[in-house]
Amino acid sequence: MARHAKVAEVAVVGIPDETKGTLPVAVISLISDVHGDGIETEVNGLVEHEIGGYARLARVYVTKALPKTRWGKIMRRLRDVIVDGWPGGDMSALEDASALEAVTSVVASTITRQVT
């Protein structure tokens, strides 16, 4: 996914699934000033082409930034955000809380759209 011309950063986490056990979910941020229409389909197609259909993403979340620690590593608790709606535990190493809020907002809006 990082090879895609519009993608700046990407994180993939596994979420539990009753049928398959675990499904891959991607959270991506786009290069600034790039329009992301259809990016979910493009990224999923790239994954299928490069890795295979078995690696098909269950969902792609597009956000302005990925939450990182002060050391520049993408936060490992993205799985908790996607599954539970908010990360648990100590968040003292988080560099920018607005990036975490952006991911949380995107995930919440997607869940809201699925329910209605």
PDB file of N, CA and C in Angstrom:
ATOM      1  N   MET A   1       0.811  -1.190   0.000  1.00  0.00           N
ATOM      2  CA  MET A   1       0.000   0.000   0.000  1.00  0.00           C
ATOM      3  C   MET A   1       0.856   1.256   0.000  1.00  0.00           C
ATOM      4  N   ALA A   2       2.003   1.182   0.632  1.00  0.00           N
ATOM      5  CA  ALA A   2       2.885   2.343   0.690  1.00  0.00           C
ATOM      6  C   ALA A   2       3.439   2.682  -0.691  1.00  0.00           C
ATOM      7  N   ARG A   3       3.363   1.762  -1.637  1.00  0.00           N
ATOM      8  CA  ARG A   3       3.829   2.026  -3.002  1.00  0.00           C
ATOM      9  C   ARG A   3       2.848   2.892  -3.796  1.00  0.00           C
ATOM     10  N   HIS A   4       1.625   2.996  -3.329  1.00  0.00           N
ATOM     11  CA  HIS A   4       0.619   3.784  -4.028  1.00  0.00           C
ATOM     12  C   HIS A   4       1.051   5.246  -4.024  1.00  0.00           C
ATOM     13  N   ALA A   5       0.913   5.905  -5.154  1.00  0.00           N
ATOM     14  CA  ALA A   5       1.410   7.278  -5.317  1.00  0.00           C
ATOM     15  C   ALA A   5       0.738   8.285  -4.395  1.00  0.00           C
ATOM     16  N   LYS A   6      -0.487   8.024  -3.944  1.00  0.00           N
ATOM     17  CA  LYS A   6      -1.197   8.971  -3.088  1.00  0.00           C
ATOM     18  C   LYS A   6      -0.990   8.722  -1.589  1.00  0.00           C
ATOM     19  N   VAL A   7      -0.436   7.569  -1.232  1.00  0.00           N
ATOM     20  CA  VAL A   7      -0.329   7.176   0.170  1.00  0.00           C
ATOM     21  C   VAL A   7       0.977   7.676   0.782  1.00  0.00           C
ATOM     22  N   ALA A   8       0.841   8.383   1.918  1.00  0.00           N
ATOM     23  CA  ALA A   8       2.017   8.869   2.651  1.00  0.00           C
ATOM     24  C   ALA A   8       2.463   7.829   3.672  1.00  0.00           C
ATOM     25  N   GLU A   9       1.524   7.349   4.484  1.00  0.00           N
ATOM     26  CA  GLU A   9       1.832   6.367   5.520  1.00  0.00           C
ATOM     27  C   GLU A   9       0.702   5.360   5.620  1.00  0.00           C
ATOM     28  N   VAL A  10       1.031   4.181   6.127  1.00  0.00           N
ATOM     29  CA  VAL A  10       0.036   3.130   6.262  1.00  0.00           C
ATOM     30  C   VAL A  10       0.344   2.273   7.487  1.00  0.00           C
ATOM     31  N   ALA A  11      -0.716   1.832   8.123  1.00  0.00           N
ATOM     32  CA  ALA A  11      -0.607   0.861   9.213  1.00  0.00           C
ATOM     33  C   ALA A  11      -1.684  -0.188   8.978  1.00  0.00           C
ATOM     34  N   VAL A  12      -1.327  -1.448   9.184  1.00  0.00           N
ATOM     35  CA  VAL A  12      -2.285  -2.537   9.021  1.00  0.00           C
ATOM     36  C   VAL A  12      -2.357  -3.291  10.340  1.00  0.00           C
ATOM     37  N   VAL A  13      -3.592  -3.538  10.780  1.00  0.00           N
ATOM     38  CA  VAL A  13      -3.807  -4.282  12.015  1.00  0.00           C
ATOM     39  C   VAL A  13      -4.786  -5.407  11.746  1.00  0.00           C
ATOM     40  N   GLY A  14      -4.722  -6.427  12.575  1.00  0.00           N
ATOM     41  CA  GLY A  14      -5.658  -7.531  12.471  1.00  0.00           C
ATOM     42  C   GLY A  14      -6.793  -7.346  13.461  1.00  0.00           C
ATOM     43  N   ILE A  15      -8.013  -7.530  12.989  1.00  0.00           N
ATOM     44  CA  ILE A  15      -9.166  -7.453  13.880  1.00  0.00           C
ATOM     45  C   ILE A  15      -9.836  -8.820  13.929  1.00  0.00           C
ATOM     46  N   PRO A  16     -10.448  -9.150  15.056  1.00  0.00           N
ATOM     47  CA  PRO A  16     -11.065 -10.475  15.181  1.00  0.00           C
ATOM     48  C   PRO A  16     -12.275 -10.639  14.260  1.00  0.00           C
ATOM     49  N   ASP A  17     -12.422 -11.855  13.749  1.00  0.00           N
ATOM     50  CA  ASP A  17     -13.553 -12.190  12.891  1.00  0.00           C
ATOM     51  C   ASP A  17     -14.008 -13.601  13.252  1.00  0.00           C
ATOM     52  N   GLU A  18     -15.304 -13.785  13.402  1.00  0.00           N
ATOM     53  CA  GLU A  18     -15.834 -15.085  13.809  1.00  0.00           C
ATOM     54  C   GLU A  18     -15.562 -16.180  12.785  1.00  0.00           C
ATOM     55  N   THR A  19     -15.603 -15.836  11.501  1.00  0.00           N
ATOM     56  CA  THR A  19     -15.436 -16.827  10.447  1.00  0.00           C
ATOM     57  C   THR A  19     -13.975 -17.109  10.130  1.00  0.00           C
ATOM     58  N   LYS A  20     -13.207 -16.056   9.898  1.00  0.00           N
ATOM     59  CA  LYS A  20     -11.832 -16.217   9.433  1.00  0.00           C
ATOM     60  C   LYS A  20     -10.782 -16.111  10.528  1.00  0.00           C
ATOM     61  N   GLY A  21     -11.179 -15.734  11.715  1.00  0.00           N
ATOM     62  CA  GLY A  21     -10.216 -15.595  12.809  1.00  0.00           C
ATOM     63  C   GLY A  21      -9.711 -14.168  12.942  1.00  0.00           C
ATOM     64  N   THR A  22      -8.998 -13.706  11.914  1.00  0.00           N
ATOM     65  CA  THR A  22      -8.463 -12.345  11.903  1.00  0.00           C
ATOM     66  C   THR A  22      -8.572 -11.774  10.498  1.00  0.00           C
ATOM     67  N   LEU A  23      -8.959 -10.506  10.421  1.00  0.00           N
ATOM     68  CA  LEU A  23      -9.038  -9.809   9.136  1.00  0.00           C
ATOM     69  C   LEU A  23      -8.103  -8.603   9.145  1.00  0.00           C
ATOM     70  N   PRO A  24      -7.415  -8.337   8.033  1.00  0.00           N
ATOM     71  CA  PRO A  24      -6.548  -7.156   7.972  1.00  0.00           C
ATOM     72  C   PRO A  24      -7.363  -5.888   7.694  1.00  0.00           C
ATOM     73  N   VAL A  25      -7.046  -4.847   8.434  1.00  0.00           N
ATOM     74  CA  VAL A  25      -7.673  -3.537   8.267  1.00  0.00           C
ATOM     75  C   VAL A  25      -6.542  -2.528   8.138  1.00  0.00           C
ATOM     76  N   ALA A  26      -6.639  -1.635   7.158  1.00  0.00           N
ATOM     77  CA  ALA A  26      -5.594  -0.634   6.931  1.00  0.00           C
ATOM     78  C   ALA A  26      -6.073   0.747   7.359  1.00  0.00           C
ATOM     79  N   VAL A  27      -5.150   1.504   7.931  1.00  0.00           N
ATOM     80  CA  VAL A  27      -5.369   2.916   8.223  1.00  0.00           C
ATOM     81  C   VAL A  27      -4.286   3.652   7.437  1.00  0.00           C
ATOM     82  N   ILE A  28      -4.706   4.533   6.521  1.00  0.00           N
ATOM     83  CA  ILE A  28      -3.731   5.220   5.687  1.00  0.00           C
ATOM     84  C   ILE A  28      -3.908   6.727   5.795  1.00  0.00           C
ATOM     85  N   SER A  29      -2.797   7.407   5.595  1.00  0.00           N
ATOM     86  CA  SER A  29      -2.850   8.863   5.440  1.00  0.00           C
ATOM     87  C   SER A  29      -2.331   9.169   4.043  1.00  0.00           C
ATOM     88  N   LEU A  30      -2.913  10.179   3.447  1.00  0.00           N
ATOM     89  CA  LEU A  30      -2.561  10.542   2.079  1.00  0.00           C
ATOM     90  C   LEU A  30      -1.535  11.668   2.065  1.00  0.00           C
ATOM     91  N   ILE A  31      -0.826  11.763   0.957  1.00  0.00           N
ATOM     92  CA  ILE A  31       0.091  12.872   0.741  1.00  0.00           C
ATOM     93  C   ILE A  31      -0.742  14.146   0.735  1.00  0.00           C
ATOM     94  N   SER A  32      -0.229  15.207   1.334  1.00  0.00           N
ATOM     95  CA  SER A  32      -1.005  16.445   1.435  1.00  0.00           C
ATOM     96  C   SER A  32      -1.396  16.966   0.063  1.00  0.00           C
ATOM     97  N   ASP A  33      -2.553  17.593   0.026  1.00  0.00           N
ATOM     98  CA  ASP A  33      -3.129  18.183  -1.187  1.00  0.00           C
ATOM     99  C   ASP A  33      -3.490  17.151  -2.251  1.00  0.00           C
ATOM    100  N   VAL A  34      -3.703  15.901  -1.843  1.00  0.00           N
ATOM    101  CA  VAL A  34      -4.120  14.855  -2.776  1.00  0.00           C
ATOM    102  C   VAL A  34      -5.557  14.482  -2.446  1.00  0.00           C
ATOM    103  N   HIS A  35      -6.374  14.358  -3.477  1.00  0.00           N
ATOM    104  CA  HIS A  35      -7.769  13.982  -3.292  1.00  0.00           C
ATOM    105  C   HIS A  35      -7.856  12.463  -3.240  1.00  0.00           C
ATOM    106  N   GLY A  36      -8.558  11.915  -2.273  1.00  0.00           N
ATOM    107  CA  GLY A  36      -8.572  10.473  -2.057  1.00  0.00           C
ATOM    108  C   GLY A  36      -9.792   9.740  -2.559  1.00  0.00           C
ATOM    109  N   ASP A  37     -10.510  10.295  -3.523  1.00  0.00           N
ATOM    110  CA  ASP A  37     -11.685   9.599  -4.049  1.00  0.00           C
ATOM    111  C   ASP A  37     -11.290   8.244  -4.631  1.00  0.00           C
ATOM    112  N   GLY A  38     -11.952   7.196  -4.167  1.00  0.00           N
ATOM    113  CA  GLY A  38     -11.699   5.854  -4.679  1.00  0.00           C
ATOM    114  C   GLY A  38     -10.425   5.207  -4.185  1.00  0.00           C
ATOM    115  N   ILE A  39      -9.751   5.833  -3.239  1.00  0.00           N
ATOM    116  CA  ILE A  39      -8.461   5.308  -2.771  1.00  0.00           C
ATOM    117  C   ILE A  39      -8.619   3.944  -2.106  1.00  0.00           C
ATOM    118  N   GLU A  40      -9.723   3.718  -1.419  1.00  0.00           N
ATOM    119  CA  GLU A  40      -9.934   2.434  -0.751  1.00  0.00           C
ATOM    120  C   GLU A  40      -9.909   1.294  -1.763  1.00  0.00           C
ATOM    121  N   THR A  41     -10.601   1.473  -2.874  1.00  0.00           N
ATOM    122  CA  THR A  41     -10.642   0.450  -3.921  1.00  0.00           C
ATOM    123  C   THR A  41      -9.273   0.268  -4.562  1.00  0.00           C
ATOM    124  N   GLU A  42      -8.592   1.371  -4.811  1.00  0.00           N
ATOM    125  CA  GLU A  42      -7.266   1.298  -5.426  1.00  0.00           C
ATOM    126  C   GLU A  42      -6.270   0.570  -4.534  1.00  0.00           C
ATOM    127  N   VAL A  43      -6.273   0.891  -3.253  1.00  0.00           N
ATOM    128  CA  VAL A  43      -5.346   0.271  -2.311  1.00  0.00           C
ATOM    129  C   VAL A  43      -5.653  -1.211  -2.165  1.00  0.00           C
ATOM    130  N   ASN A  44      -6.921  -1.557  -2.055  1.00  0.00           N
ATOM    131  CA  ASN A  44      -7.287  -2.963  -1.935  1.00  0.00           C
ATOM    132  C   ASN A  44      -6.903  -3.735  -3.194  1.00  0.00           C
ATOM    133  N   GLY A  45      -7.087  -3.122  -4.354  1.00  0.00           N
ATOM    134  CA  GLY A  45      -6.671  -3.755  -5.605  1.00  0.00           C
ATOM    135  C   GLY A  45      -5.168  -3.980  -5.660  1.00  0.00           C
ATOM    136  N   LEU A  46      -4.420  -3.015  -5.158  1.00  0.00           N
ATOM    137  CA  LEU A  46      -2.960  -3.152  -5.114  1.00  0.00           C
ATOM    138  C   LEU A  46      -2.532  -4.303  -4.215  1.00  0.00           C
ATOM    139  N   VAL A  47      -3.181  -4.432  -3.072  1.00  0.00           N
ATOM    140  CA  VAL A  47      -2.878  -5.530  -2.150  1.00  0.00           C
ATOM    141  C   VAL A  47      -3.185  -6.870  -2.806  1.00  0.00           C
ATOM    142  N   GLU A  48      -4.343  -6.970  -3.443  1.00  0.00           N
ATOM    143  CA  GLU A  48      -4.709  -8.216  -4.108  1.00  0.00           C
ATOM    144  C   GLU A  48      -3.738  -8.563  -5.231  1.00  0.00           C
ATOM    145  N   HIS A  49      -3.310  -7.569  -5.973  1.00  0.00           N
ATOM    146  CA  HIS A  49      -2.384  -7.800  -7.084  1.00  0.00           C
ATOM    147  C   HIS A  49      -1.004  -8.216  -6.583  1.00  0.00           C
ATOM    148  N   GLU A  50      -0.507  -7.535  -5.567  1.00  0.00           N
ATOM    149  CA  GLU A  50       0.860  -7.787  -5.075  1.00  0.00           C
ATOM    150  C   GLU A  50       0.955  -9.032  -4.194  1.00  0.00           C
ATOM    151  N   ILE A  51      -0.060  -9.262  -3.351  1.00  0.00           N
ATOM    152  CA  ILE A  51       0.023 -10.357  -2.376  1.00  0.00           C
ATOM    153  C   ILE A  51      -0.913 -11.500  -2.740  1.00  0.00           C
ATOM    154  N   GLY A  52      -2.133 -11.163  -3.118  1.00  0.00           N
ATOM    155  CA  GLY A  52      -3.114 -12.188  -3.469  1.00  0.00           C
ATOM    156  C   GLY A  52      -4.447 -11.909  -2.806  1.00  0.00           C
ATOM    157  N   GLY A  53      -5.481 -12.581  -3.285  1.00  0.00           N
ATOM    158  CA  GLY A  53      -6.833 -12.377  -2.785  1.00  0.00           C
ATOM    159  C   GLY A  53      -7.003 -12.711  -1.317  1.00  0.00           C
ATOM    160  N   TYR A  54      -6.200 -13.629  -0.803  1.00  0.00           N
ATOM    161  CA  TYR A  54      -6.317 -13.998   0.606  1.00  0.00           C
ATOM    162  C   TYR A  54      -5.941 -12.844   1.538  1.00  0.00           C
ATOM    163  N   ALA A  55      -5.219 -11.854   1.027  1.00  0.00           N
ATOM    164  CA  ALA A  55      -4.791 -10.706   1.831  1.00  0.00           C
ATOM    165  C   ALA A  55      -5.738  -9.517   1.681  1.00  0.00           C
ATOM    166  N   ARG A  56      -6.858  -9.718   1.013  1.00  0.00           N
ATOM    167  CA  ARG A  56      -7.833  -8.639   0.790  1.00  0.00           C
ATOM    168  C   ARG A  56      -8.171  -7.968   2.110  1.00  0.00           C
ATOM    169  N   LEU A  57      -8.164  -6.643   2.093  1.00  0.00           N
ATOM    170  CA  LEU A  57      -8.432  -5.862   3.298  1.00  0.00           C
ATOM    171  C   LEU A  57      -9.920  -5.855   3.609  1.00  0.00           C
ATOM    172  N   ALA A  58     -10.253  -6.012   4.873  1.00  0.00           N
ATOM    173  CA  ALA A  58     -11.650  -5.950   5.297  1.00  0.00           C
ATOM    174  C   ALA A  58     -12.161  -4.520   5.227  1.00  0.00           C
ATOM    175  N   ARG A  59     -11.293  -3.561   5.490  1.00  0.00           N
ATOM    176  CA  ARG A  59     -11.671  -2.149   5.479  1.00  0.00           C
ATOM    177  C   ARG A  59     -10.410  -1.306   5.338  1.00  0.00           C
ATOM    178  N   VAL A  60     -10.586  -0.150   4.730  1.00  0.00           N
ATOM    179  CA  VAL A  60      -9.511   0.840   4.625  1.00  0.00           C
ATOM    180  C   VAL A  60     -10.045   2.150   5.205  1.00  0.00           C
ATOM    181  N   TYR A  61      -9.376   2.649   6.237  1.00  0.00           N
ATOM    182  CA  TYR A  61      -9.723   3.940   6.828  1.00  0.00           C
ATOM    183  C   TYR A  61      -8.719   4.973   6.332  1.00  0.00           C
ATOM    184  N   VAL A  62      -9.224   6.097   5.839  1.00  0.00           N
ATOM    185  CA  VAL A  62      -8.362   7.176   5.358  1.00  0.00           C
ATOM    186  C   VAL A  62      -8.442   8.313   6.362  1.00  0.00           C
ATOM    187  N   THR A  63      -7.284   8.750   6.851  1.00  0.00           N
ATOM    188  CA  THR A  63      -7.224   9.803   7.849  1.00  0.00           C
ATOM    189  C   THR A  63      -6.152  10.812   7.479  1.00  0.00           C
ATOM    190  N   LYS A  64      -6.187  11.967   8.115  1.00  0.00           N
ATOM    191  CA  LYS A  64      -5.215  13.016   7.803  1.00  0.00           C
ATOM    192  C   LYS A  64      -3.824  12.682   8.311  1.00  0.00           C
ATOM    193  N   ALA A  65      -3.749  11.968   9.432  1.00  0.00           N
ATOM    194  CA  ALA A  65      -2.452  11.618  10.017  1.00  0.00           C
ATOM    195  C   ALA A  65      -2.606  10.359  10.855  1.00  0.00           C
ATOM    196  N   LEU A  66      -1.520   9.634  11.006  1.00  0.00           N
ATOM    197  CA  LEU A  66      -1.507   8.461  11.875  1.00  0.00           C
ATOM    198  C   LEU A  66      -0.915   8.867  13.224  1.00  0.00           C
ATOM    199  N   PRO A  67      -1.504   8.394  14.314  1.00  0.00           N
ATOM    200  CA  PRO A  67      -0.970   8.740  15.631  1.00  0.00           C
ATOM    201  C   PRO A  67       0.384   8.088  15.858  1.00  0.00           C
ATOM    202  N   LYS A  68       1.319   8.883  16.337  1.00  0.00           N
ATOM    203  CA  LYS A  68       2.684   8.399  16.547  1.00  0.00           C
ATOM    204  C   LYS A  68       3.163   8.711  17.959  1.00  0.00           C
ATOM    205  N   THR A  69       4.162   7.957  18.351  1.00  0.00           N
ATOM    206  CA  THR A  69       4.808   8.221  19.628  1.00  0.00           C
ATOM    207  C   THR A  69       5.800   9.359  19.452  1.00  0.00           C
ATOM    208  N   ARG A  70       6.359   9.823  20.541  1.00  0.00           N
ATOM    209  CA  ARG A  70       7.382  10.875  20.469  1.00  0.00           C
ATOM    210  C   ARG A  70       8.606  10.423  19.674  1.00  0.00           C
ATOM    211  N   TRP A  71       8.779   9.135  19.526  1.00  0.00           N
ATOM    212  CA  TRP A  71       9.930   8.589  18.804  1.00  0.00           C
ATOM    213  C   TRP A  71       9.626   8.355  17.333  1.00  0.00           C
ATOM    214  N   GLY A  72       8.437   8.742  16.884  1.00  0.00           N
ATOM    215  CA  GLY A  72       8.089   8.644  15.472  1.00  0.00           C
ATOM    216  C   GLY A  72       7.518   7.313  15.028  1.00  0.00           C
ATOM    217  N   LYS A  73       7.231   6.427  15.960  1.00  0.00           N
ATOM    218  CA  LYS A  73       6.652   5.134  15.608  1.00  0.00           C
ATOM    219  C   LYS A  73       5.133   5.237  15.615  1.00  0.00           C
ATOM    220  N   ILE A  74       4.498   4.567  14.673  1.00  0.00           N
ATOM    221  CA  ILE A  74       3.037   4.561  14.618  1.00  0.00           C
ATOM    222  C   ILE A  74       2.514   3.807  15.845  1.00  0.00           C
ATOM    223  N   MET A  75       1.521   4.382  16.473  1.00  0.00           N
ATOM    224  CA  MET A  75       0.969   3.836  17.702  1.00  0.00           C
ATOM    225  C   MET A  75       0.448   2.415  17.500  1.00  0.00           C
ATOM    226  N   ARG A  76       0.824   1.520  18.373  1.00  0.00           N
ATOM    227  CA  ARG A  76       0.418   0.118  18.263  1.00  0.00           C
ATOM    228  C   ARG A  76      -1.028  -0.115  18.649  1.00  0.00           C
ATOM    229  N   ARG A  77      -1.627   0.821  19.299  1.00  0.00           N
ATOM    230  CA  ARG A  77      -2.994   0.632  19.792  1.00  0.00           C
ATOM    231  C   ARG A  77      -4.066   0.971  18.744  1.00  0.00           C
ATOM    232  N   LEU A  78      -3.695   1.075  17.488  1.00  0.00           N
ATOM    233  CA  LEU A  78      -4.697   1.321  16.448  1.00  0.00           C
ATOM    234  C   LEU A  78      -5.738   0.212  16.416  1.00  0.00           C
ATOM    235  N   ARG A  79      -5.325  -0.997  16.716  1.00  0.00           N
ATOM    236  CA  ARG A  79      -6.268  -2.117  16.751  1.00  0.00           C
ATOM    237  C   ARG A  79      -7.363  -1.846  17.778  1.00  0.00           C
ATOM    238  N   ASP A  80      -6.979  -1.355  18.950  1.00  0.00           N
ATOM    239  CA  ASP A  80      -7.965  -1.041  19.985  1.00  0.00           C
ATOM    240  C   ASP A  80      -8.928   0.042  19.515  1.00  0.00           C
ATOM    241  N   VAL A  81      -8.420   1.021  18.792  1.00  0.00           N
ATOM    242  CA  VAL A  81      -9.272   2.093  18.279  1.00  0.00           C
ATOM    243  C   VAL A  81     -10.299   1.516  17.313  1.00  0.00           C
ATOM    244  N   ILE A  82      -9.875   0.627  16.443  1.00  0.00           N
ATOM    245  CA  ILE A  82     -10.776   0.057  15.440  1.00  0.00           C
ATOM    246  C   ILE A  82     -11.780  -0.910  16.072  1.00  0.00           C
ATOM    247  N   VAL A  83     -11.339  -1.724  17.009  1.00  0.00           N
ATOM    248  CA  VAL A  83     -12.221  -2.718  17.620  1.00  0.00           C
ATOM    249  C   VAL A  83     -13.098  -2.114  18.713  1.00  0.00           C
ATOM    250  N   ASP A  84     -12.486  -1.310  19.599  1.00  0.00           N
ATOM    251  CA  ASP A  84     -13.198  -0.812  20.781  1.00  0.00           C
ATOM    252  C   ASP A  84     -13.628   0.649  20.686  1.00  0.00           C
ATOM    253  N   GLY A  85     -13.115   1.381  19.708  1.00  0.00           N
ATOM    254  CA  GLY A  85     -13.463   2.785  19.565  1.00  0.00           C
ATOM    255  C   GLY A  85     -12.505   3.747  20.233  1.00  0.00           C
ATOM    256  N   TRP A  86     -11.633   3.245  21.091  1.00  0.00           N
ATOM    257  CA  TRP A  86     -10.651   4.102  21.767  1.00  0.00           C
ATOM    258  C   TRP A  86      -9.544   3.227  22.323  1.00  0.00           C
ATOM    259  N   PRO A  87      -8.293   3.707  22.295  1.00  0.00           N
ATOM    260  CA  PRO A  87      -7.200   2.881  22.822  1.00  0.00           C
ATOM    261  C   PRO A  87      -7.229   2.844  24.346  1.00  0.00           C
ATOM    262  N   GLY A  88      -6.902   1.722  24.879  1.00  0.00           N
ATOM    263  CA  GLY A  88      -6.809   1.607  26.329  1.00  0.00           C
ATOM    264  C   GLY A  88      -5.368   1.776  26.776  1.00  0.00           C
ATOM    265  N   GLY A  89      -5.174   1.947  28.044  1.00  0.00           N
ATOM    266  CA  GLY A  89      -3.826   1.986  28.588  1.00  0.00           C
ATOM    267  C   GLY A  89      -3.183   3.357  28.568  1.00  0.00           C
ATOM    268  N   ASP A  90      -1.893   3.354  28.787  1.00  0.00           N
ATOM    269  CA  ASP A  90      -1.091   4.569  28.914  1.00  0.00           C
ATOM    270  C   ASP A  90      -0.870   5.232  27.553  1.00  0.00           C
ATOM    271  N   MET A  91      -1.243   6.483  27.453  1.00  0.00           N
ATOM    272  CA  MET A  91      -1.087   7.224  26.206  1.00  0.00           C
ATOM    273  C   MET A  91      -0.062   8.352  26.354  1.00  0.00           C
ATOM    274  N   SER A  92       0.782   8.270  27.370  1.00  0.00           N
ATOM    275  CA  SER A  92       1.712   9.359  27.647  1.00  0.00           C
ATOM    276  C   SER A  92       2.770   9.543  26.559  1.00  0.00           C
ATOM    277  N   ALA A  93       3.039   8.527  25.765  1.00  0.00           N
ATOM    278  CA  ALA A  93       4.054   8.642  24.718  1.00  0.00           C
ATOM    279  C   ALA A  93       3.495   9.191  23.410  1.00  0.00           C
ATOM    280  N   LEU A  94       2.195   9.440  23.360  1.00  0.00           N
ATOM    281  CA  LEU A  94       1.564   9.947  22.148  1.00  0.00           C
ATOM    282  C   LEU A  94       2.047  11.361  21.845  1.00  0.00           C
ATOM    283  N   GLU A  95       2.504  11.570  20.631  1.00  0.00           N
ATOM    284  CA  GLU A  95       3.056  12.866  20.236  1.00  0.00           C
ATOM    285  C   GLU A  95       1.967  13.898  19.966  1.00  0.00           C
ATOM    286  N   ASP A  96       0.936  13.517  19.201  1.00  0.00           N
ATOM    287  CA  ASP A  96      -0.088  14.463  18.778  1.00  0.00           C
ATOM    288  C   ASP A  96      -1.464  13.836  18.961  1.00  0.00           C
ATOM    289  N   ALA A  97      -2.184  14.298  19.960  1.00  0.00           N
ATOM    290  CA  ALA A  97      -3.500  13.731  20.259  1.00  0.00           C
ATOM    291  C   ALA A  97      -4.499  13.969  19.137  1.00  0.00           C
ATOM    292  N   SER A  98      -4.312  15.008  18.342  1.00  0.00           N
ATOM    293  CA  SER A  98      -5.264  15.285  17.256  1.00  0.00           C
ATOM    294  C   SER A  98      -5.227  14.185  16.190  1.00  0.00           C
ATOM    295  N   ALA A  99      -4.088  13.555  15.980  1.00  0.00           N
ATOM    296  CA  ALA A  99      -3.999  12.448  15.014  1.00  0.00           C
ATOM    297  C   ALA A  99      -4.812  11.256  15.512  1.00  0.00           C
ATOM    298  N   LEU A 100      -4.747  10.983  16.809  1.00  0.00           N
ATOM    299  CA  LEU A 100      -5.543   9.900  17.386  1.00  0.00           C
ATOM    300  C   LEU A 100      -7.024  10.227  17.283  1.00  0.00           C
ATOM    301  N   GLU A 101      -7.387  11.459  17.540  1.00  0.00           N
ATOM    302  CA  GLU A 101      -8.782  11.881  17.427  1.00  0.00           C
ATOM    303  C   GLU A 101      -9.282  11.770  15.989  1.00  0.00           C
ATOM    304  N   ALA A 102      -8.412  12.056  15.028  1.00  0.00           N
ATOM    305  CA  ALA A 102      -8.791  11.945  13.613  1.00  0.00           C
ATOM    306  C   ALA A 102      -9.110  10.504  13.251  1.00  0.00           C
ATOM    307  N   VAL A 103      -8.283   9.555  13.694  1.00  0.00           N
ATOM    308  CA  VAL A 103      -8.530   8.139  13.414  1.00  0.00           C
ATOM    309  C   VAL A 103      -9.810   7.690  14.109  1.00  0.00           C
ATOM    310  N   THR A 104      -9.960   8.076  15.366  1.00  0.00           N
ATOM    311  CA  THR A 104     -11.149   7.699  16.125  1.00  0.00           C
ATOM    312  C   THR A 104     -12.408   8.225  15.449  1.00  0.00           C
ATOM    313  N   SER A 105     -12.355   9.435  14.949  1.00  0.00           N
ATOM    314  CA  SER A 105     -13.492  10.049  14.262  1.00  0.00           C
ATOM    315  C   SER A 105     -13.845   9.304  12.982  1.00  0.00           C
ATOM    316  N   VAL A 106     -12.831   8.949  12.199  1.00  0.00           N
ATOM    317  CA  VAL A 106     -13.066   8.221  10.942  1.00  0.00           C
ATOM    318  C   VAL A 106     -13.682   6.851  11.223  1.00  0.00           C
ATOM    319  N   VAL A 107     -13.160   6.158  12.218  1.00  0.00           N
ATOM    320  CA  VAL A 107     -13.694   4.845  12.573  1.00  0.00           C
ATOM    321  C   VAL A 107     -15.136   4.983  13.060  1.00  0.00           C
ATOM    322  N   ALA A 108     -15.408   5.950  13.923  1.00  0.00           N
ATOM    323  CA  ALA A 108     -16.762   6.150  14.462  1.00  0.00           C
ATOM    324  C   ALA A 108     -17.747   6.518  13.355  1.00  0.00           C
ATOM    325  N   SER A 109     -17.339   7.347  12.408  1.00  0.00           N
ATOM    326  CA  SER A 109     -18.257   7.732  11.343  1.00  0.00           C
ATOM    327  C   SER A 109     -18.572   6.554  10.430  1.00  0.00           C
ATOM    328  N   THR A 110     -17.641   5.670  10.239  1.00  0.00           N
ATOM    329  CA  THR A 110     -17.860   4.493   9.407  1.00  0.00           C
ATOM    330  C   THR A 110     -18.832   3.546  10.102  1.00  0.00           C
ATOM    331  N   ILE A 111     -18.673   3.378  11.401  1.00  0.00           N
ATOM    332  CA  ILE A 111     -19.569   2.500  12.160  1.00  0.00           C
ATOM    333  C   ILE A 111     -20.982   3.074  12.137  1.00  0.00           C
ATOM    334  N   THR A 112     -21.102   4.380  12.289  1.00  0.00           N
ATOM    335  CA  THR A 112     -22.407   5.046  12.261  1.00  0.00           C
ATOM    336  C   THR A 112     -23.083   4.841  10.911  1.00  0.00           C
ATOM    337  N   ARG A 113     -22.329   4.956   9.821  1.00  0.00           N
ATOM    338  CA  ARG A 113     -22.910   4.762   8.493  1.00  0.00           C
ATOM    339  C   ARG A 113     -23.358   3.328   8.280  1.00  0.00           C
ATOM    340  N   GLN A 114     -22.644   2.350   8.863  1.00  0.00           N
ATOM    341  CA  GLN A 114     -23.018   0.942   8.698  1.00  0.00           C
ATOM    342  C   GLN A 114     -24.306   0.615   9.455  1.00  0.00           C
ATOM    343  N   VAL A 115     -24.518   1.264  10.597  1.00  0.00           N
ATOM    344  CA  VAL A 115     -25.674   0.984  11.428  1.00  0.00           C
ATOM    345  C   VAL A 115     -26.932   1.583  10.822  1.00  0.00           C
ATOM    346  N   THR A 116     -26.830   2.780  10.237  1.00  0.00           N
ATOM    347  CA  THR A 116     -28.021   3.442   9.703  1.00  0.00           C
ATOM    348  C   THR A 116     -28.386   2.972   8.331  1.00  0.00           C
TER     349      THR A 116
END
